[in-house]
mmCIF file of all heavy atoms, coordinates in Angstrom:
data_MODEL
# 
_entry.id   MODEL 
# 
loop_
_atom_site.group_PDB 
_atom_site.id 
_atom_site.type_symbol 
_atom_site.label_atom_id 
_atom_site.label_alt_id 
_atom_site.label_comp_id 
_atom_site.label_asym_id 
_atom_site.label_entity_id 
_atom_site.label_seq_id 
_atom_site.pdbx_PDB_ins_code 
_atom_site.Cartn_x 
_atom_site.Cartn_y 
_atom_site.Cartn_z 
_atom_site.occupancy 
_atom_site.B_iso_or_equiv 
_atom_site.pdbx_formal_charge 
_atom_site.auth_seq_id 
_atom_site.auth_comp_id 
_atom_site.auth_asym_id 
_atom_site.auth_atom_id 
_atom_site.pdbx_PDB_model_num 
ATOM 1   N N   . PHE A 1 1  ? 12.926  12.276 -0.152 1.00 0.00 ? 1  PHE A N   1 
ATOM 2   C CA  . PHE A 1 1  ? 13.335  12.514 1.236  1.00 0.00 ? 1  PHE A CA  1 
ATOM 3   C C   . PHE A 1 1  ? 13.470  11.199 2.028  1.00 0.00 ? 1  PHE A C   1 
ATOM 4   O O   . PHE A 1 1  ? 13.612  11.200 3.232  1.00 0.00 ? 1  PHE A O   1 
ATOM 5   C CB  . PHE A 1 1  ? 12.345  13.438 1.943  1.00 0.00 ? 1  PHE A CB  1 
ATOM 6   C CG  . PHE A 1 1  ? 12.260  14.787 1.317  1.00 0.00 ? 1  PHE A CG  1 
ATOM 7   C CD1 . PHE A 1 1  ? 11.180  15.131 0.520  1.00 0.00 ? 1  PHE A CD1 1 
ATOM 8   C CD2 . PHE A 1 1  ? 13.265  15.717 1.516  1.00 0.00 ? 1  PHE A CD2 1 
ATOM 9   C CE1 . PHE A 1 1  ? 11.114  16.389 -0.064 1.00 0.00 ? 1  PHE A CE1 1 
ATOM 10  C CE2 . PHE A 1 1  ? 13.192  16.986 0.917  1.00 0.00 ? 1  PHE A CE2 1 
ATOM 11  C CZ  . PHE A 1 1  ? 12.118  17.317 0.133  1.00 0.00 ? 1  PHE A CZ  1 
ATOM 12  N N   . GLY A 1 2  ? 13.380  10.074 1.303  1.00 0.00 ? 2  GLY A N   1 
ATOM 13  C CA  . GLY A 1 2  ? 13.587  8.784  1.952  1.00 0.00 ? 2  GLY A CA  1 
ATOM 14  C C   . GLY A 1 2  ? 12.316  8.054  2.389  1.00 0.00 ? 2  GLY A C   1 
ATOM 15  O O   . GLY A 1 2  ? 12.396  7.015  3.015  1.00 0.00 ? 2  GLY A O   1 
ATOM 16  N N   . PHE A 1 3  ? 11.157  8.601  2.058  1.00 0.00 ? 3  PHE A N   1 
ATOM 17  C CA  . PHE A 1 3  ? 9.880   7.962  2.375  1.00 0.00 ? 3  PHE A CA  1 
ATOM 18  C C   . PHE A 1 3  ? 9.506   7.018  1.256  1.00 0.00 ? 3  PHE A C   1 
ATOM 19  O O   . PHE A 1 3  ? 9.871   7.218  0.106  1.00 0.00 ? 3  PHE A O   1 
ATOM 20  C CB  . PHE A 1 3  ? 8.766   8.983  2.573  1.00 0.00 ? 3  PHE A CB  1 
ATOM 21  C CG  . PHE A 1 3  ? 9.054   10.002 3.604  1.00 0.00 ? 3  PHE A CG  1 
ATOM 22  C CD1 . PHE A 1 3  ? 9.286   11.333 3.269  1.00 0.00 ? 3  PHE A CD1 1 
ATOM 23  C CD2 . PHE A 1 3  ? 9.069   9.634  4.963  1.00 0.00 ? 3  PHE A CD2 1 
ATOM 24  C CE1 . PHE A 1 3  ? 9.553   12.277 4.253  1.00 0.00 ? 3  PHE A CE1 1 
ATOM 25  C CE2 . PHE A 1 3  ? 9.338   10.602 5.928  1.00 0.00 ? 3  PHE A CE2 1 
ATOM 26  C CZ  . PHE A 1 3  ? 9.573   11.915 5.583  1.00 0.00 ? 3  PHE A CZ  1 
ATOM 27  N N   . GLU A 1 4  ? 8.754   5.979  1.592  1.00 0.00 ? 4  GLU A N   1 
ATOM 28  C CA  . GLU A 1 4  ? 8.129   5.146  0.565  1.00 0.00 ? 4  GLU A CA  1 
ATOM 29  C C   . GLU A 1 4  ? 6.690   5.644  0.463  1.00 0.00 ? 4  GLU A C   1 
ATOM 30  O O   . GLU A 1 4  ? 6.019   5.838  1.457  1.00 0.00 ? 4  GLU A O   1 
ATOM 31  C CB  . GLU A 1 4  ? 8.122   3.684  1.003  1.00 0.00 ? 4  GLU A CB  1 
ATOM 32  C CG  . GLU A 1 4  ? 9.487   3.066  1.109  1.00 0.00 ? 4  GLU A CG  1 
ATOM 33  C CD  . GLU A 1 4  ? 9.405   1.667  1.663  1.00 0.00 ? 4  GLU A CD  1 
ATOM 34  O OE1 . GLU A 1 4  ? 8.774   0.786  1.051  1.00 0.00 ? 4  GLU A OE1 1 
ATOM 35  O OE2 . GLU A 1 4  ? 9.967   1.459  2.767  1.00 0.00 ? 4  GLU A OE2 1 
ATOM 36  N N   . ILE A 1 5  ? 6.249   5.873  -0.766 1.00 0.00 ? 5  ILE A N   1 
ATOM 37  C CA  . ILE A 1 5  ? 4.920   6.408  -0.984 1.00 0.00 ? 5  ILE A CA  1 
ATOM 38  C C   . ILE A 1 5  ? 4.129   5.471  -1.882 1.00 0.00 ? 5  ILE A C   1 
ATOM 39  O O   . ILE A 1 5  ? 4.614   5.093  -2.963 1.00 0.00 ? 5  ILE A O   1 
ATOM 40  C CB  . ILE A 1 5  ? 4.967   7.816  -1.627 1.00 0.00 ? 5  ILE A CB  1 
ATOM 41  C CG1 . ILE A 1 5  ? 5.837   8.783  -0.797 1.00 0.00 ? 5  ILE A CG1 1 
ATOM 42  C CG2 . ILE A 1 5  ? 3.565   8.362  -1.835 1.00 0.00 ? 5  ILE A CG2 1 
ATOM 43  C CD1 . ILE A 1 5  ? 5.299   9.094  0.591  1.00 0.00 ? 5  ILE A CD1 1 
ATOM 44  N N   . PHE A 1 6  ? 2.933   5.124  -1.454 1.00 0.00 ? 6  PHE A N   1 
ATOM 45  C CA  . PHE A 1 6  ? 2.028   4.309  -2.242 1.00 0.00 ? 6  PHE A CA  1 
ATOM 46  C C   . PHE A 1 6  ? 0.799   5.152  -2.547 1.00 0.00 ? 6  PHE A C   1 
ATOM 47  O O   . PHE A 1 6  ? 0.271   5.836  -1.681 1.00 0.00 ? 6  PHE A O   1 
ATOM 48  C CB  . PHE A 1 6  ? 1.597   3.055  -1.473 1.00 0.00 ? 6  PHE A CB  1 
ATOM 49  C CG  . PHE A 1 6  ? 2.692   2.028  -1.362 1.00 0.00 ? 6  PHE A CG  1 
ATOM 50  C CD1 . PHE A 1 6  ? 3.680   2.160  -0.403 1.00 0.00 ? 6  PHE A CD1 1 
ATOM 51  C CD2 . PHE A 1 6  ? 2.739   0.956  -2.235 1.00 0.00 ? 6  PHE A CD2 1 
ATOM 52  C CE1 . PHE A 1 6  ? 4.699   1.234  -0.309 1.00 0.00 ? 6  PHE A CE1 1 
ATOM 53  C CE2 . PHE A 1 6  ? 3.765   0.024  -2.142 1.00 0.00 ? 6  PHE A CE2 1 
ATOM 54  C CZ  . PHE A 1 6  ? 4.733   0.159  -1.185 1.00 0.00 ? 6  PHE A CZ  1 
ATOM 55  N N   . ILE A 1 7  ? 0.364   5.096  -3.779 1.00 0.00 ? 7  ILE A N   1 
ATOM 56  C CA  . ILE A 1 7  ? -0.806  5.847  -4.217 1.00 0.00 ? 7  ILE A CA  1 
ATOM 57  C C   . ILE A 1 7  ? -1.985  4.879  -4.290 1.00 0.00 ? 7  ILE A C   1 
ATOM 58  O O   . ILE A 1 7  ? -1.898  3.837  -4.972 1.00 0.00 ? 7  ILE A O   1 
ATOM 59  C CB  . ILE A 1 7  ? -0.570  6.494  -5.603 1.00 0.00 ? 7  ILE A CB  1 
ATOM 60  C CG1 . ILE A 1 7  ? 0.687   7.379  -5.579 1.00 0.00 ? 7  ILE A CG1 1 
ATOM 61  C CG2 . ILE A 1 7  ? -1.802  7.282  -6.035 1.00 0.00 ? 7  ILE A CG2 1 
ATOM 62  C CD1 . ILE A 1 7  ? 0.677   8.480  -4.527 1.00 0.00 ? 7  ILE A CD1 1 
ATOM 63  N N   . GLY A 1 8  ? -3.049  5.197  -3.564 1.00 0.00 ? 8  GLY A N   1 
ATOM 64  C CA  . GLY A 1 8  ? -4.198  4.326  -3.585 1.00 0.00 ? 8  GLY A CA  1 
ATOM 65  C C   . GLY A 1 8  ? -5.306  4.813  -2.678 1.00 0.00 ? 8  GLY A C   1 
ATOM 66  O O   . GLY A 1 8  ? -5.159  5.775  -1.942 1.00 0.00 ? 8  GLY A O   1 
ATOM 67  N N   . ASN A 1 9  ? -6.404  4.082  -2.751 1.00 0.00 ? 9  ASN A N   1 
ATOM 68  C CA  . ASN A 1 9  ? -7.625  4.429  -2.026 1.00 0.00 ? 9  ASN A CA  1 
ATOM 69  C C   . ASN A 1 9  ? -7.737  3.522  -0.800 1.00 0.00 ? 9  ASN A C   1 
ATOM 70  O O   . ASN A 1 9  ? -7.837  2.318  -0.925 1.00 0.00 ? 9  ASN A O   1 
ATOM 71  C CB  . ASN A 1 9  ? -8.824  4.230  -2.953 1.00 0.00 ? 9  ASN A CB  1 
ATOM 72  C CG  . ASN A 1 9  ? -10.139 4.598  -2.322 1.00 0.00 ? 9  ASN A CG  1 
ATOM 73  O OD1 . ASN A 1 9  ? -10.264 4.666  -1.103 1.00 0.00 ? 9  ASN A OD1 1 
ATOM 74  N ND2 . ASN A 1 9  ? -11.130 4.791  -3.149 1.00 0.00 ? 9  ASN A ND2 1 
ATOM 75  N N   . GLN A 1 10 ? -7.765  4.122  0.372  1.00 0.00 ? 10 GLN A N   1 
ATOM 76  C CA  . GLN A 1 10 ? -7.806  3.332  1.609  1.00 0.00 ? 10 GLN A CA  1 
ATOM 77  C C   . GLN A 1 10 ? -9.111  2.567  1.784  1.00 0.00 ? 10 GLN A C   1 
ATOM 78  O O   . GLN A 1 10 ? -9.180  1.656  2.621  1.00 0.00 ? 10 GLN A O   1 
ATOM 79  C CB  . GLN A 1 10 ? -7.544  4.239  2.816  1.00 0.00 ? 10 GLN A CB  1 
ATOM 80  C CG  . GLN A 1 10 ? -8.713  5.110  3.216  1.00 0.00 ? 10 GLN A CG  1 
ATOM 81  C CD  . GLN A 1 10 ? -8.419  6.010  4.365  1.00 0.00 ? 10 GLN A CD  1 
ATOM 82  O OE1 . GLN A 1 10 ? -8.178  7.187  4.167  1.00 0.00 ? 10 GLN A OE1 1 
ATOM 83  N NE2 . GLN A 1 10 ? -8.403  5.497  5.577  1.00 0.00 ? 10 GLN A NE2 1 
ATOM 84  N N   . SER A 1 11 ? -10.115 2.849  0.997  1.00 0.00 ? 11 SER A N   1 
ATOM 85  C CA  . SER A 1 11 ? -11.387 2.127  1.063  1.00 0.00 ? 11 SER A CA  1 
ATOM 86  C C   . SER A 1 11 ? -11.401 0.889  0.192  1.00 0.00 ? 11 SER A C   1 
ATOM 87  O O   . SER A 1 11 ? -12.363 0.134  0.189  1.00 0.00 ? 11 SER A O   1 
ATOM 88  C CB  . SER A 1 11 ? -12.547 3.040  0.625  1.00 0.00 ? 11 SER A CB  1 
ATOM 89  O OG  . SER A 1 11 ? -12.654 4.151  1.470  1.00 0.00 ? 11 SER A OG  1 
ATOM 90  N N   . ASN A 1 12 ? -10.329 0.662  -0.553 1.00 0.00 ? 12 ASN A N   1 
ATOM 91  C CA  . ASN A 1 12 ? -10.270 -0.386 -1.530 1.00 0.00 ? 12 ASN A CA  1 
ATOM 92  C C   . ASN A 1 12 ? -9.478  -1.591 -1.037 1.00 0.00 ? 12 ASN A C   1 
ATOM 93  O O   . ASN A 1 12 ? -8.271  -1.494 -0.820 1.00 0.00 ? 12 ASN A O   1 
ATOM 94  C CB  . ASN A 1 12 ? -9.635  0.179  -2.815 1.00 0.00 ? 12 ASN A CB  1 
ATOM 95  C CG  . ASN A 1 12 ? -9.645  -0.788 -3.946 1.00 0.00 ? 12 ASN A CG  1 
ATOM 96  O OD1 . ASN A 1 12 ? -9.321  -1.943 -3.807 1.00 0.00 ? 12 ASN A OD1 1 
ATOM 97  N ND2 . ASN A 1 12 ? -10.006 -0.296 -5.120 1.00 0.00 ? 12 ASN A ND2 1 
ATOM 98  N N   . LYS A 1 13 ? -10.140 -2.733 -0.835 1.00 0.00 ? 13 LYS A N   1 
ATOM 99  C CA  . LYS A 1 13 ? -9.469  -3.927 -0.337 1.00 0.00 ? 13 LYS A CA  1 
ATOM 100 C C   . LYS A 1 13 ? -8.324  -4.361 -1.257 1.00 0.00 ? 13 LYS A C   1 
ATOM 101 O O   . LYS A 1 13 ? -7.274  -4.793 -0.775 1.00 0.00 ? 13 LYS A O   1 
ATOM 102 C CB  . LYS A 1 13 ? -10.464 -5.082 -0.177 1.00 0.00 ? 13 LYS A CB  1 
ATOM 103 C CG  . LYS A 1 13 ? -9.805  -6.333 0.377  1.00 0.00 ? 13 LYS A CG  1 
ATOM 104 C CD  . LYS A 1 13 ? -10.779 -7.474 0.499  1.00 0.00 ? 13 LYS A CD  1 
ATOM 105 C CE  . LYS A 1 13 ? -10.213 -8.740 1.034  1.00 0.00 ? 13 LYS A CE  1 
ATOM 106 N NZ  . LYS A 1 13 ? -8.788  -8.957 1.018  1.00 0.00 ? 13 LYS A NZ  1 
ATOM 107 N N   . SER A 1 14 ? -8.501  -4.238 -2.564 1.00 0.00 ? 14 SER A N   1 
ATOM 108 C CA  . SER A 1 14 ? -7.425  -4.613 -3.522 1.00 0.00 ? 14 SER A CA  1 
ATOM 109 C C   . SER A 1 14 ? -6.175  -3.778 -3.296 1.00 0.00 ? 14 SER A C   1 
ATOM 110 O O   . SER A 1 14 ? -5.052  -4.278 -3.384 1.00 0.00 ? 14 SER A O   1 
ATOM 111 C CB  . SER A 1 14 ? -7.915  -4.445 -4.957 1.00 0.00 ? 14 SER A CB  1 
ATOM 112 O OG  . SER A 1 14 ? -8.973  -5.327 -5.216 1.00 0.00 ? 14 SER A OG  1 
ATOM 113 N N   . PHE A 1 15 ? -6.371  -2.488 -2.966 1.00 0.00 ? 15 PHE A N   1 
ATOM 114 C CA  . PHE A 1 15 ? -5.220  -1.630 -2.669 1.00 0.00 ? 15 PHE A CA  1 
ATOM 115 C C   . PHE A 1 15 ? -4.462  -2.202 -1.489 1.00 0.00 ? 15 PHE A C   1 
ATOM 116 O O   . PHE A 1 15 ? -3.236  -2.332 -1.518 1.00 0.00 ? 15 PHE A O   1 
ATOM 117 C CB  . PHE A 1 15 ? -5.630  -0.178 -2.397 1.00 0.00 ? 15 PHE A CB  1 
ATOM 118 C CG  . PHE A 1 15 ? -4.521  0.591  -1.744 1.00 0.00 ? 15 PHE A CG  1 
ATOM 119 C CD1 . PHE A 1 15 ? -3.455  1.056  -2.533 1.00 0.00 ? 15 PHE A CD1 1 
ATOM 120 C CD2 . PHE A 1 15 ? -4.490  0.788  -0.375 1.00 0.00 ? 15 PHE A CD2 1 
ATOM 121 C CE1 . PHE A 1 15 ? -2.397  1.718  -1.933 1.00 0.00 ? 15 PHE A CE1 1 
ATOM 122 C CE2 . PHE A 1 15 ? -3.434  1.463  0.220  1.00 0.00 ? 15 PHE A CE2 1 
ATOM 123 C CZ  . PHE A 1 15 ? -2.391  1.930  -0.567 1.00 0.00 ? 15 PHE A CZ  1 
ATOM 124 N N   . TRP A 1 16 ? -5.179  -2.517 -0.410 1.00 0.00 ? 16 TRP A N   1 
ATOM 125 C CA  . TRP A 1 16 ? -4.527  -3.022 0.795  1.00 0.00 ? 16 TRP A CA  1 
ATOM 126 C C   . TRP A 1 16 ? -3.849  -4.369 0.537  1.00 0.00 ? 16 TRP A C   1 
ATOM 127 O O   . TRP A 1 16 ? -2.747  -4.613 1.029  1.00 0.00 ? 16 TRP A O   1 
ATOM 128 C CB  . TRP A 1 16 ? -5.523  -3.143 1.939  1.00 0.00 ? 16 TRP A CB  1 
ATOM 129 C CG  . TRP A 1 16 ? -5.895  -1.804 2.486  1.00 0.00 ? 16 TRP A CG  1 
ATOM 130 C CD1 . TRP A 1 16 ? -7.110  -1.183 2.406  1.00 0.00 ? 16 TRP A CD1 1 
ATOM 131 C CD2 . TRP A 1 16 ? -5.033  -0.880 3.187  1.00 0.00 ? 16 TRP A CD2 1 
ATOM 132 N NE1 . TRP A 1 16 ? -7.062  0.042  3.028  1.00 0.00 ? 16 TRP A NE1 1 
ATOM 133 C CE2 . TRP A 1 16 ? -5.801  0.239  3.502  1.00 0.00 ? 16 TRP A CE2 1 
ATOM 134 C CE3 . TRP A 1 16 ? -3.709  -0.933 3.589  1.00 0.00 ? 16 TRP A CE3 1 
ATOM 135 C CZ2 . TRP A 1 16 ? -5.281  1.337  4.188  1.00 0.00 ? 16 TRP A CZ2 1 
ATOM 136 C CZ3 . TRP A 1 16 ? -3.180  0.154  4.280  1.00 0.00 ? 16 TRP A CZ3 1 
ATOM 137 C CH2 . TRP A 1 16 ? -3.958  1.265  4.566  1.00 0.00 ? 16 TRP A CH2 1 
ATOM 138 N N   . ASP A 1 17 ? -4.478  -5.252 -0.234 1.00 0.00 ? 17 ASP A N   1 
ATOM 139 C CA  . ASP A 1 17 ? -3.876  -6.534 -0.550 1.00 0.00 ? 17 ASP A CA  1 
ATOM 140 C C   . ASP A 1 17 ? -2.528  -6.337 -1.269 1.00 0.00 ? 17 ASP A C   1 
ATOM 141 O O   . ASP A 1 17 ? -1.517  -6.958 -0.924 1.00 0.00 ? 17 ASP A O   1 
ATOM 142 C CB  . ASP A 1 17 ? -4.791  -7.390 -1.427 1.00 0.00 ? 17 ASP A CB  1 
ATOM 143 C CG  . ASP A 1 17 ? -6.021  -7.885 -0.685 1.00 0.00 ? 17 ASP A CG  1 
ATOM 144 O OD1 . ASP A 1 17 ? -6.026  -7.853 0.581  1.00 0.00 ? 17 ASP A OD1 1 
ATOM 145 O OD2 . ASP A 1 17 ? -6.987  -8.297 -1.362 1.00 0.00 ? 17 ASP A OD2 1 
ATOM 146 N N   . GLU A 1 18 ? -2.531  -5.441 -2.256 1.00 0.00 ? 18 GLU A N   1 
ATOM 147 C CA  . GLU A 1 18 ? -1.295  -5.166 -2.998 1.00 0.00 ? 18 GLU A CA  1 
ATOM 148 C C   . GLU A 1 18 ? -0.253  -4.475 -2.103 1.00 0.00 ? 18 GLU A C   1 
ATOM 149 O O   . GLU A 1 18 ? 0.926   -4.820 -2.120 1.00 0.00 ? 18 GLU A O   1 
ATOM 150 C CB  . GLU A 1 18 ? -1.593  -4.292 -4.195 1.00 0.00 ? 18 GLU A CB  1 
ATOM 151 C CG  . GLU A 1 18 ? -0.371  -4.040 -5.065 1.00 0.00 ? 18 GLU A CG  1 
ATOM 152 C CD  . GLU A 1 18 ? -0.684  -3.209 -6.313 1.00 0.00 ? 18 GLU A CD  1 
ATOM 153 O OE1 . GLU A 1 18 ? -1.857  -3.147 -6.718 1.00 0.00 ? 18 GLU A OE1 1 
ATOM 154 O OE2 . GLU A 1 18 ? 0.270   -2.653 -6.866 1.00 0.00 ? 18 GLU A OE2 1 
ATOM 155 N N   . PHE A 1 19 ? -0.707  -3.536 -1.291 1.00 0.00 ? 19 PHE A N   1 
ATOM 156 C CA  . PHE A 1 19 ? 0.198   -2.817 -0.379 1.00 0.00 ? 19 PHE A CA  1 
ATOM 157 C C   . PHE A 1 19 ? 0.924   -3.808 0.547  1.00 0.00 ? 19 PHE A C   1 
ATOM 158 O O   . PHE A 1 19 ? 2.155   -3.803 0.626  1.00 0.00 ? 19 PHE A O   1 
ATOM 159 C CB  . PHE A 1 19 ? -0.605  -1.790 0.439  1.00 0.00 ? 19 PHE A CB  1 
ATOM 160 C CG  . PHE A 1 19 ? 0.189   -1.136 1.511  1.00 0.00 ? 19 PHE A CG  1 
ATOM 161 C CD1 . PHE A 1 19 ? 1.066   -0.104 1.208  1.00 0.00 ? 19 PHE A CD1 1 
ATOM 162 C CD2 . PHE A 1 19 ? 0.056   -1.529 2.836  1.00 0.00 ? 19 PHE A CD2 1 
ATOM 163 C CE1 . PHE A 1 19 ? 1.820   0.516  2.210  1.00 0.00 ? 19 PHE A CE1 1 
ATOM 164 C CE2 . PHE A 1 19 ? 0.792   -0.919 3.840  1.00 0.00 ? 19 PHE A CE2 1 
ATOM 165 C CZ  . PHE A 1 19 ? 1.677   0.099  3.516  1.00 0.00 ? 19 PHE A CZ  1 
ATOM 166 N N   . TYR A 1 20 ? 0.155   -4.657 1.247  1.00 0.00 ? 20 TYR A N   1 
ATOM 167 C CA  . TYR A 1 20 ? 0.801   -5.566 2.179  1.00 0.00 ? 20 TYR A CA  1 
ATOM 168 C C   . TYR A 1 20 ? 1.573   -6.673 1.489  1.00 0.00 ? 20 TYR A C   1 
ATOM 169 O O   . TYR A 1 20 ? 2.544   -7.191 2.069  1.00 0.00 ? 20 TYR A O   1 
ATOM 170 C CB  . TYR A 1 20 ? -0.250  -6.150 3.157  1.00 0.00 ? 20 TYR A CB  1 
ATOM 171 C CG  . TYR A 1 20 ? -0.646  -5.135 4.197  1.00 0.00 ? 20 TYR A CG  1 
ATOM 172 C CD1 . TYR A 1 20 ? -1.928  -4.630 4.278  1.00 0.00 ? 20 TYR A CD1 1 
ATOM 173 C CD2 . TYR A 1 20 ? 0.291   -4.663 5.124  1.00 0.00 ? 20 TYR A CD2 1 
ATOM 174 C CE1 . TYR A 1 20 ? -2.273  -3.676 5.222  1.00 0.00 ? 20 TYR A CE1 1 
ATOM 175 C CE2 . TYR A 1 20 ? -0.042  -3.724 6.078  1.00 0.00 ? 20 TYR A CE2 1 
ATOM 176 C CZ  . TYR A 1 20 ? -1.318  -3.234 6.126  1.00 0.00 ? 20 TYR A CZ  1 
ATOM 177 O OH  . TYR A 1 20 ? -1.663  -2.297 7.070  1.00 0.00 ? 20 TYR A OH  1 
ATOM 178 N N   . SER A 1 21 ? 1.263   -7.005 0.250  1.00 0.00 ? 21 SER A N   1 
ATOM 179 C CA  . SER A 1 21 ? 2.080   -7.989 -0.478 1.00 0.00 ? 21 SER A CA  1 
ATOM 180 C C   . SER A 1 21 ? 3.466   -7.401 -0.778 1.00 0.00 ? 21 SER A C   1 
ATOM 181 O O   . SER A 1 21 ? 4.434   -8.139 -0.877 1.00 0.00 ? 21 SER A O   1 
ATOM 182 C CB  . SER A 1 21 ? 1.400   -8.437 -1.764 1.00 0.00 ? 21 SER A CB  1 
ATOM 183 O OG  . SER A 1 21 ? 1.455   -7.460 -2.762 1.00 0.00 ? 21 SER A OG  1 
ATOM 184 N N   . LYS A 1 22 ? 3.550   -6.080 -0.885 1.00 0.00 ? 22 LYS A N   1 
ATOM 185 C CA  . LYS A 1 22 ? 4.837   -5.418 -1.167 1.00 0.00 ? 22 LYS A CA  1 
ATOM 186 C C   . LYS A 1 22 ? 5.620   -5.083 0.093  1.00 0.00 ? 22 LYS A C   1 
ATOM 187 O O   . LYS A 1 22 ? 6.844   -5.187 0.090  1.00 0.00 ? 22 LYS A O   1 
ATOM 188 C CB  . LYS A 1 22 ? 4.598   -4.161 -1.995 1.00 0.00 ? 22 LYS A CB  1 
ATOM 189 C CG  . LYS A 1 22 ? 4.130   -4.458 -3.396 1.00 0.00 ? 22 LYS A CG  1 
ATOM 190 C CD  . LYS A 1 22 ? 3.914   -3.182 -4.200 1.00 0.00 ? 22 LYS A CD  1 
ATOM 191 C CE  . LYS A 1 22 ? 3.471   -3.553 -5.598 1.00 0.00 ? 22 LYS A CE  1 
ATOM 192 N NZ  . LYS A 1 22 ? 3.137   -2.364 -6.386 1.00 0.00 ? 22 LYS A NZ  1 
ATOM 193 N N   . VAL A 1 23 ? 4.940   -4.650 1.144  1.00 0.00 ? 23 VAL A N   1 
ATOM 194 C CA  . VAL A 1 23 ? 5.668   -4.169 2.321  1.00 0.00 ? 23 VAL A CA  1 
ATOM 195 C C   . VAL A 1 23 ? 5.706   -5.192 3.469  1.00 0.00 ? 23 VAL A C   1 
ATOM 196 O O   . VAL A 1 23 ? 6.511   -5.057 4.373  1.00 0.00 ? 23 VAL A O   1 
ATOM 197 C CB  . VAL A 1 23 ? 5.133   -2.836 2.857  1.00 0.00 ? 23 VAL A CB  1 
ATOM 198 C CG1 . VAL A 1 23 ? 5.143   -1.775 1.786  1.00 0.00 ? 23 VAL A CG1 1 
ATOM 199 C CG2 . VAL A 1 23 ? 3.762   -2.965 3.471  1.00 0.00 ? 23 VAL A CG2 1 
ATOM 200 N N   . GLY A 1 24 ? 4.861   -6.198 3.426  1.00 0.00 ? 24 GLY A N   1 
ATOM 201 C CA  . GLY A 1 24 ? 4.814   -7.161 4.519  1.00 0.00 ? 24 GLY A CA  1 
ATOM 202 C C   . GLY A 1 24 ? 4.116   -6.568 5.732  1.00 0.00 ? 24 GLY A C   1 
ATOM 203 O O   . GLY A 1 24 ? 3.472   -5.521 5.652  1.00 0.00 ? 24 GLY A O   1 
ATOM 204 N N   . ASN A 1 25 ? 4.250   -7.272 6.842  1.00 0.00 ? 25 ASN A N   1 
ATOM 205 C CA  . ASN A 1 25 ? 3.630   -6.786 8.070  1.00 0.00 ? 25 ASN A CA  1 
ATOM 206 C C   . ASN A 1 25 ? 4.345   -5.543 8.563  1.00 0.00 ? 25 ASN A C   1 
ATOM 207 O O   . ASN A 1 25 ? 5.541   -5.328 8.249  1.00 0.00 ? 25 ASN A O   1 
ATOM 208 C CB  . ASN A 1 25 ? 3.668   -7.875 9.137  1.00 0.00 ? 25 ASN A CB  1 
ATOM 209 C CG  . ASN A 1 25 ? 2.680   -8.981 8.856  1.00 0.00 ? 25 ASN A CG  1 
ATOM 210 O OD1 . ASN A 1 25 ? 2.070   -9.034 7.789  1.00 0.00 ? 25 ASN A OD1 1 
ATOM 211 N ND2 . ASN A 1 25 ? 2.516   -9.871 9.804  1.00 0.00 ? 25 ASN A ND2 1 
# 
């Protein structure tokens, strides 16, 4: 439907590091 979906645990710093490295600010 045009959404970008990331699978991960919001409590995990590594998830957030990877997420922001892909999507930017």
